Every structure is written in structure tokens, then in C-alpha cells.
């Protein structure tokens, strides 16, 4: 028997907190995913709903039925505050997101130009869409940083956008540094000595070129990565604004975070970095 009962009780209390913390963190990410996914889908369906007679069409009836079902389930989850209920609900929201993408592809050719394409967030329960899972065996430290991006974005109230931007930039810097160390780039044909006071400076564009040319075996994937380097660099520049004092355009920042997530997933695919599948009980 523990001679100090206070020590024992405090230790048990800490244990239960440690048990609940990952569940609450996972729930925060699911809620954040659902919030951002529904917001991305909202504009499409509200534009369609304003079209005369659309709500009586099969697509309209199916759409309103899907969002009503999600709204009812969210109400039940909010009243019960049972974290496990969020898992099937998150799958329903993801299904709506997929259907919205298919709907956009169907209705835009029909002349509804007011419907814009949108950036849908990665589904937290799909390991192929999550950088933390894709990079787990490649670089555990990088995987942890990638997981933190959306934990911060969805689960933090204190300047979450700015913190998520900085964390995503850190993830990109870590990743590209692994693929293209400065000394290796300088020794390669892809490096050009600079004419200013920093002749040995390695640029981000040179790192991208080196990484694609030396690390990616598939020619088509390699060419695609090289062709998209300007998009990558433009997205990276958005993260640089996180250091500037003052408000951040949340819409632009979120788009940049999702864009960089897609860019890094493209690299993971090109490098054939696969997820490590866990037991489904580990999801929450």
C-alpha cells in the first residue's frame, strides 16, 4: 500500500487526464475538419439552392437531405458530448465533400459559372491524405510536425492561423532540407554561384530542382514537380507573411496551408512514401 494516499490519488488523476487528452485532441481535429469542409461546400450548395426549382430536383433533394442529416447528428453530438460519435459524423461530412466535388464537375458545364472550385481539407481518418502518416517511416520528426499543423489550426484559439502557417513552413523546410542538403546542391549541376555578397547561397528553386532530379525516379512525376515549382514558391511566400505584425487574411492563409499540404502529398506520392496503417481503434 502506498504510504502517502495523496500521491496515489494525484497519480491516478493524472493517468485519466493522459488517457483523455489524445481523444480530445483527435476530436478537435475532427471538428476542425468538419467546420472547414462544410464551409468549403457551403458556397456550392447555396448557389444551387438559389436556382429556381433546384430543391425539387433529385440532386437538390439528396443534397438537402445530406446536410440536414449532418446537422441533426451534430446536434445530438453537441448535446451528448460523446467524442466517439464524431467518427461516423466525420465520414458523413467527407462524403458530402466528395459529392460536392462531383456536383461541381457536373453543374459547371451546365452554365453555372458562379460556382467556384474550393480547397477541401484533408480527411483526418484517411491516412493517405495525411502527411503525418505518409512521412512516419521516412522521418518521424517531420511526421510529428505535419500532424501538429492541423492540430494547431483546428484545436487552438490563440492565433491559430499564424501558428499553423509557421508550422507548415517548418514542415516544408524540414522536408526539402532532407531531400536537398545545401552542400549536395552546391556540388550539383543545378547550383549557380551568386554574383552578390552571398556567392554560396542556395535558393529554394535550386533545392526543388535538385530534389526532383535526384530523388524522383518516375519521369512523369519528376517533370510535374519541376513544372509546379513556381506554385510551390508562391505558396511558401504566403507563409512569410506570418512574421508581419497585424491581421492575417484567414482565407488566403488557409488556402496556402491546404495548398502546401497538397504539394507535400504530391512529393510523398512521387517518392512512394506510404502510410503505416494502424488499427482502427487508434483513430480516437
Protein backbone atom coordinates (compact mmCIF):
# COMPACT_ATOMS: atom_id res chain seq x y z
CA UNK A 1 0.00 0.00 0.00
CA UNK A 2 1.26 3.47 -0.85
CA UNK A 3 2.21 5.15 2.45
CA UNK A 4 1.06 8.50 1.05
CA UNK A 5 -2.55 8.27 -0.22
CA UNK A 6 -2.36 11.78 -1.68
CA UNK A 7 0.45 10.72 -4.02
CA UNK A 8 -1.59 7.76 -5.20
CA UNK A 9 -4.74 9.79 -5.88
CA UNK A 10 -2.89 12.54 -7.74
CA UNK A 11 -1.12 9.90 -9.87
CA UNK A 12 -4.44 8.25 -10.77
CA UNK A 13 -5.95 11.63 -11.67
CA UNK A 14 -3.01 12.35 -13.96
CA UNK A 15 -3.41 8.93 -15.58
CA UNK A 16 -7.04 9.61 -16.54
CA UNK A 17 -6.11 13.01 -17.94
CA UNK A 18 -3.40 11.36 -20.04
CA UNK A 19 -5.98 8.86 -21.32
CA UNK A 20 -8.43 11.59 -22.34
CA UNK A 21 -6.01 14.12 -23.84
CA UNK A 22 -5.36 12.30 -27.15
CA UNK A 23 -9.10 11.67 -27.54
CA UNK A 24 -9.90 15.34 -27.03
CA UNK A 25 -7.10 16.38 -29.40
CA UNK A 26 -8.37 13.97 -32.05
CA UNK A 27 -11.91 15.26 -31.54
CA UNK A 28 -10.67 18.82 -32.02
CA UNK A 29 -9.12 17.87 -35.32
CA UNK A 30 -12.30 16.12 -36.48
CA UNK A 31 -14.40 19.15 -35.54
CA UNK A 32 -11.98 21.46 -37.32
CA UNK A 33 -12.04 19.28 -40.42
CA UNK A 34 -15.84 19.24 -40.41
CA UNK A 35 -16.06 23.01 -39.95
CA UNK A 36 -13.66 23.75 -42.81
CA UNK A 37 -15.10 21.09 -45.10
CA UNK A 38 -18.68 22.29 -44.61
CA UNK A 39 -17.59 25.89 -45.17
CA UNK A 40 -15.90 24.84 -48.42
CA UNK A 41 -19.06 23.04 -49.58
CA UNK A 42 -21.46 25.76 -48.46
CA UNK A 43 -20.98 28.16 -51.36
CA UNK A 44 -21.68 25.46 -53.95
CA UNK A 45 -24.95 24.34 -52.43
CA UNK A 46 -26.22 27.82 -51.59
CA UNK A 47 -25.67 28.93 -55.20
CA UNK A 48 -27.51 25.83 -56.43
CA UNK A 49 -30.27 26.36 -53.88
CA UNK A 50 -30.93 29.83 -55.27
CA UNK A 51 -31.69 28.36 -58.70
CA UNK A 52 -35.48 28.16 -59.32
CA UNK A 53 -36.77 24.62 -58.80
CA UNK A 54 -33.40 23.12 -57.84
CA UNK A 55 -34.52 21.97 -54.39
CA UNK A 56 -37.19 19.79 -56.04
CA UNK A 57 -34.71 18.03 -58.33
CA UNK A 58 -33.22 14.65 -57.32
CA UNK A 59 -29.82 16.29 -56.76
CA UNK A 60 -31.40 19.03 -54.66
CA UNK A 61 -33.39 16.58 -52.54
CA UNK A 62 -30.29 14.43 -51.99
CA UNK A 63 -28.15 17.44 -51.11
CA UNK A 64 -30.53 18.95 -48.58
CA UNK A 65 -31.08 15.50 -47.09
CA UNK A 66 -27.35 15.00 -46.61
CA UNK A 67 -26.69 18.35 -44.91
CA UNK A 68 -29.85 18.00 -42.77
CA UNK A 69 -28.68 14.60 -41.59
CA UNK A 70 -25.26 16.03 -40.70
CA UNK A 71 -26.89 18.98 -38.90
CA UNK A 72 -29.09 16.64 -36.84
CA UNK A 73 -26.15 14.41 -35.94
CA UNK A 74 -24.11 17.43 -34.88
CA UNK A 75 -26.97 18.50 -32.63
CA UNK A 76 -27.05 15.09 -30.95
CA UNK A 77 -23.25 15.06 -30.55
CA UNK A 78 -23.30 18.58 -29.08
CA UNK A 79 -25.95 17.60 -26.54
CA UNK A 80 -24.33 14.31 -25.55
CA UNK A 81 -20.69 15.47 -25.87
CA UNK A 82 -19.66 11.92 -26.73
CA UNK A 83 -16.40 12.02 -28.70
CA UNK A 84 -16.85 8.61 -30.43
CA UNK A 85 -19.97 9.97 -32.19
CA UNK A 86 -17.76 12.29 -34.19
CA UNK A 87 -16.14 9.49 -36.19
CA UNK A 88 -19.17 8.40 -38.27
CA UNK A 89 -20.20 12.05 -38.49
CA UNK A 90 -16.80 12.98 -39.93
CA UNK A 91 -17.26 10.24 -42.55
CA UNK A 92 -20.64 11.76 -43.46
CA UNK A 93 -19.08 15.21 -43.86
CA UNK A 94 -16.30 13.72 -46.01
CA UNK A 95 -18.92 12.00 -48.19
CA UNK A 96 -20.67 15.34 -48.67
CA UNK A 97 -17.33 16.88 -49.66
CA UNK A 98 -16.76 14.17 -52.27
CA UNK A 99 -20.31 14.60 -53.60
CA UNK A 100 -19.81 18.37 -53.76
CA UNK A 101 -16.71 17.87 -55.90
CA UNK A 102 -18.68 15.60 -58.23
CA UNK A 103 -21.54 18.09 -58.30
CA UNK A 104 -19.23 20.94 -59.29
CA UNK A 105 -17.87 18.81 -62.13
CA UNK A 106 -21.47 18.18 -63.25
CA UNK A 107 -23.04 21.63 -62.97
CA UNK A 108 -20.26 23.96 -64.15
CA UNK A 109 -20.52 22.74 -67.79
CA UNK A 110 -24.26 23.47 -67.49
CA UNK A 111 -23.55 27.18 -67.23
CA UNK A 112 -23.45 27.94 -63.50
CA UNK A 113 -20.23 29.91 -63.65
CA UNK A 114 -20.88 31.45 -60.22
CA UNK A 115 -19.86 28.16 -58.59
CA UNK A 116 -16.17 28.24 -57.81
CA UNK A 117 -13.80 25.36 -57.14
CA UNK A 118 -12.77 25.16 -53.47
CA UNK A 119 -9.97 23.81 -51.33
CA UNK A 120 -11.28 20.90 -49.29
CA UNK A 121 -9.30 19.99 -46.16
CA UNK A 122 -7.65 16.55 -45.89
CA UNK A 123 -9.85 13.93 -44.22
CA UNK A 124 -8.21 13.17 -40.83
CA UNK A 125 -9.20 9.49 -40.89
CA UNK A 126 -7.69 8.80 -44.32
CA UNK A 127 -4.01 8.09 -43.78
CA UNK A 128 -3.23 8.54 -47.48
CA UNK A 129 -4.33 12.18 -47.18
CA UNK A 130 -2.35 12.93 -44.02
CA UNK A 131 1.29 13.94 -44.17
CA UNK A 132 1.99 12.73 -40.65
CA UNK A 133 1.08 9.19 -41.71
CA UNK A 134 2.81 9.39 -45.07
CA UNK A 135 6.10 10.60 -43.56
CA UNK A 136 6.10 8.42 -40.44
CA UNK A 137 8.76 5.97 -41.59
CA UNK A 138 10.60 8.50 -43.77
CA UNK A 139 11.19 10.96 -40.92
CA UNK A 140 9.35 10.62 -37.57
CA UNK A 141 10.23 14.17 -36.54
CA UNK A 142 8.81 15.56 -39.79
CA UNK A 143 5.70 13.40 -39.34
CA UNK A 144 5.12 14.89 -35.90
CA UNK A 145 5.44 18.44 -37.22
CA UNK A 146 2.95 17.68 -40.00
CA UNK A 147 0.44 16.30 -37.50
CA UNK A 148 0.81 19.47 -35.47
CA UNK A 149 -0.24 21.73 -38.36
CA UNK A 150 -3.89 20.72 -38.26
CA UNK A 151 -3.92 20.15 -34.52
CA UNK A 152 -2.97 23.83 -34.19
CA UNK A 153 -5.30 25.01 -36.95
CA UNK A 154 -8.33 23.16 -35.61
CA UNK A 155 -7.65 22.90 -31.90
CA UNK A 156 -6.09 26.22 -30.85
CA UNK A 157 -7.80 29.55 -30.24
CA UNK A 158 -4.66 31.64 -29.68
CA UNK A 159 -3.61 32.94 -33.13
CA UNK A 160 -4.18 29.52 -34.69
CA UNK A 161 -3.82 30.67 -38.31
CA UNK A 162 -0.44 32.31 -37.80
CA UNK A 163 0.86 29.36 -35.76
CA UNK A 164 -0.36 26.84 -38.34
CA UNK A 165 1.32 28.82 -41.14
CA UNK A 166 4.64 28.84 -39.32
CA UNK A 167 4.37 25.12 -38.54
CA UNK A 168 3.55 24.23 -42.15
CA UNK A 169 6.52 26.30 -43.30
CA UNK A 170 8.68 24.44 -40.79
CA UNK A 171 7.41 21.14 -42.21
CA UNK A 172 8.28 22.20 -45.77
CA UNK A 173 11.75 23.46 -44.76
CA UNK A 174 12.47 20.23 -42.90
CA UNK A 175 11.30 18.09 -45.81
CA UNK A 176 13.17 19.89 -48.59
CA UNK A 177 16.33 20.08 -46.46
CA UNK A 178 16.24 16.29 -46.11
CA UNK A 179 15.97 15.86 -49.88
CA UNK A 180 18.34 18.65 -50.88
CA UNK A 181 21.04 19.49 -48.31
CA UNK A 182 22.88 22.71 -49.13
CA UNK A 183 26.28 21.05 -49.58
CA UNK A 184 24.87 18.48 -52.02
CA UNK A 185 23.07 21.14 -54.03
CA UNK A 186 26.26 23.25 -54.29
CA UNK A 187 28.15 20.24 -55.66
CA UNK A 188 25.49 19.63 -58.31
CA UNK A 189 24.87 20.97 -61.81
CA UNK A 190 21.73 22.69 -60.53
CA UNK A 191 23.62 25.25 -58.46
CA UNK A 192 24.77 28.62 -59.76
CA UNK A 193 27.31 30.76 -57.90
CA UNK A 194 25.71 34.05 -56.98
CA UNK A 195 27.21 37.38 -58.06
CA UNK A 196 26.33 39.33 -54.91
CA UNK A 197 27.88 39.13 -51.44
CA UNK A 198 26.45 35.64 -50.86
CA UNK A 199 28.02 33.52 -53.63
CA UNK A 200 27.27 30.21 -51.85
CA UNK A 201 23.59 30.92 -51.23
CA UNK A 202 21.34 28.01 -52.24
CA UNK A 203 17.95 29.21 -53.47
CA UNK A 204 14.65 27.43 -52.87
CA UNK A 205 14.26 26.94 -56.61
CA UNK A 206 17.66 25.21 -56.80
CA UNK A 207 16.69 22.93 -53.91
CA UNK A 208 13.45 21.96 -55.63
CA UNK A 209 15.24 21.26 -58.92
CA UNK A 210 17.91 19.15 -57.19
CA UNK A 211 15.34 17.21 -55.15
CA UNK A 212 13.19 16.40 -58.15
CA UNK A 213 16.05 15.48 -60.46
CA UNK A 214 17.95 13.32 -57.97
CA UNK A 215 15.23 11.81 -55.75
CA UNK A 216 12.26 11.10 -58.02
CA UNK A 217 12.59 8.04 -60.23
CA UNK A 218 9.36 8.35 -62.21
CA UNK A 219 9.94 10.72 -65.14
CA UNK A 220 6.35 11.96 -65.41
CA UNK A 221 6.12 12.71 -61.70
CA UNK A 222 9.53 14.38 -61.79
CA UNK A 223 8.50 16.67 -64.67
CA UNK A 224 5.26 17.56 -62.90
CA UNK A 225 7.11 18.57 -59.73
CA UNK A 226 9.57 20.70 -61.68
CA UNK A 227 6.76 22.35 -63.65
CA UNK A 228 4.95 23.28 -60.43
CA UNK A 229 7.95 24.81 -58.65
CA UNK A 230 6.65 28.37 -59.12
CA UNK A 231 3.36 27.41 -57.45
CA UNK A 232 5.33 25.90 -54.57
CA UNK A 233 7.45 29.03 -54.15
CA UNK A 234 4.42 31.33 -54.35
CA UNK A 235 2.68 29.28 -51.68
CA UNK A 236 5.78 29.42 -49.49
CA UNK A 237 5.85 33.22 -49.79
CA UNK A 238 2.41 33.40 -48.20
CA UNK A 239 3.87 31.79 -45.07
CA UNK A 240 6.47 34.55 -44.88
CA UNK A 241 3.66 36.97 -44.06
CA UNK A 242 3.17 35.23 -40.72
CA UNK A 243 6.12 37.25 -39.41
CA UNK A 244 4.48 40.55 -40.28
CA UNK A 245 2.64 42.25 -37.44
CA UNK A 246 -1.04 42.85 -37.86
CA UNK A 247 -4.03 40.79 -39.01
CA UNK A 248 -3.68 37.92 -41.44
CA UNK A 249 -6.12 37.23 -44.27
CA UNK A 250 -7.52 33.94 -42.92
CA UNK A 251 -8.94 32.83 -46.26
CA UNK A 252 -5.62 33.30 -48.06
CA UNK A 253 -3.72 31.68 -45.19
CA UNK A 254 -5.97 28.60 -45.06
CA UNK A 255 -5.77 28.20 -48.83
CA UNK A 256 -1.96 28.33 -48.58
CA UNK A 257 -1.89 25.73 -45.80
CA UNK A 258 -4.11 23.39 -47.82
CA UNK A 259 -2.09 24.08 -50.98
CA UNK A 260 1.19 23.24 -49.27
CA UNK A 261 -0.39 20.12 -47.80
CA UNK A 262 -1.29 19.05 -51.36
CA UNK A 263 2.20 19.91 -52.61
CA UNK A 264 3.86 17.77 -49.94
CA UNK A 265 1.40 14.94 -50.62
CA UNK A 266 2.43 15.17 -54.29
CA UNK A 267 6.04 14.76 -53.20
CA UNK A 268 5.12 11.82 -50.96
CA UNK A 269 3.41 10.16 -53.92
CA UNK A 270 6.39 10.83 -56.20
CA UNK A 271 8.78 9.36 -53.61
CA UNK A 272 6.41 6.44 -52.98
CA UNK A 273 6.18 7.18 -49.27
CA UNK A 274 3.23 5.23 -47.97
CA UNK A 275 1.26 5.40 -44.73
CA UNK A 276 1.67 2.96 -41.86
CA UNK A 277 -1.80 1.62 -41.29
CA UNK A 278 -2.89 1.46 -37.67
CA UNK A 279 -5.67 -0.48 -36.03
CA UNK A 280 -8.94 1.46 -36.38
CA UNK A 281 -9.15 1.72 -32.59
CA UNK A 282 -6.16 4.03 -32.66
CA UNK A 283 -8.03 6.71 -34.60
CA UNK A 284 -9.62 8.12 -31.46
